[in-house]
Amino acid sequence: MNEIKIADRKIGQTHKPFIIAELSGNHSQQLDLAIKMVEAAAKAGVDAIKLQTYTADSMTLDVNKPGFVIEEQDNLWRGESLHALYQKAATPYEWHQQLFNRAKELGMLAFSSPFDEDAVDFLADLEVPCFKIASFELTDLPLIRKAAAQGKPLIMSTGMATLSEIEEAVSCAKQAGCQDIILLKCTSTYPALPCNTNLNTIPHLRDAFGCQVGLSDHTAGVGASVAAVALGATVIEKHFVLDRSAGGVDAAFSLEPDELTLLVCETERAWQAMGSVVYGGSAAEEKSKQYRRSIYVSQDIQAGDELGPHNLKIVRPAFGLAPKHWDKVQGKHAKQSMTKGTPLSWDGVE
């Protein structure tokens, strides 16, 4: 699988997971809070922060007709009109440059998800290193075409998408000139339950489209993300909040700073632990082999004594004959005297 480079960060199986902190609307329309989130994300060690670039009017219509109000009983935002929800969650366009600059000062990449073609142009003017297409926009082929034509890598979430819909999106991006595509497995429920996450899709997605894959994780905690890395995910995206108890539109399924730090640490550990197929122990285990078992003299022996369980024992360490020779030495005789604690060797057996 070819690695992808986003700015100066390489993404692929031979590199640690690329971790994205999604700010979404958890800044609660407070610029100072958004800046603190960027700073906390940097302290946690993530590779990038991501915004969402839209206005309520670019997302939906300001009406209360059926379909424009969230009615599902188990929906986190039940009763909200789409327009009101997006108005509350939107990141003001005038904040983008300042937040991007702060991220760069702290050594992170910064980019966003555009939700309409004007947003693509806006982000292109800010020279973002890549573009992200959200799951709900994966079927918006004109938007994908516009973003893919900017000459930057394209990350696309695949929540709810059928294999054929993903194929259409990937084909659209490639036809527009984008070959550096990353697909994120995603479950578009908020929060998502582990039992609905289906991480085994990750290697299938990678093999089906021959591209880097990752996880846009809406579950609680970091377990799903760590497991995703073990299955080949090279990118992890998680929503982020400074304090869940203080609220925020996505706070219920967002990680707090300590948890984000844990995510960075544990996904890297999972990546390091994958390694390659190895039998016989690693180089690091070589010294430990001395603590295997072997045959030792357990009672003082005189030359000519018969050998057996009464004066031999299989114990640690492993400087004597291997235990597989136990039956062969039973009833043999000692060539010379041996004291208790002597490792048995063929030189001492006749």
Foldseek 3Di string as FASTA:
>chain_A
DDWDDQPNDIFFLVDFFQEEAEAFQQCQQDLVQLLVQLVLLLVLPHAEYEYAADALVLVDDPDDDPPQAADDPPAPRHGHGSSVLRNRGHDDLVSQLVSQVSNVVSNHAYYYEYDDLVSLVSRVVSVHRAYEHEQVCLQVLVNLLSRLLSPHEYEYENAPHDPVSNVVSVVSSVVSPHPQYEYAYEHPGAQDDPVPRPLLVFVVVCVVVVHAYAHAHQAAAQVVRLVNVLNRHRYYYFYAHQDLVVPTSNSVRGDHSVRSSVNSVSNSVSSVVNDDDDPPDDPVCVVVLQFAWAKFFAAKAAFFDFDDPVGIDIHDGHPAHHPVCRVVRHRWTFRGIDHGPHHHYVVGTD
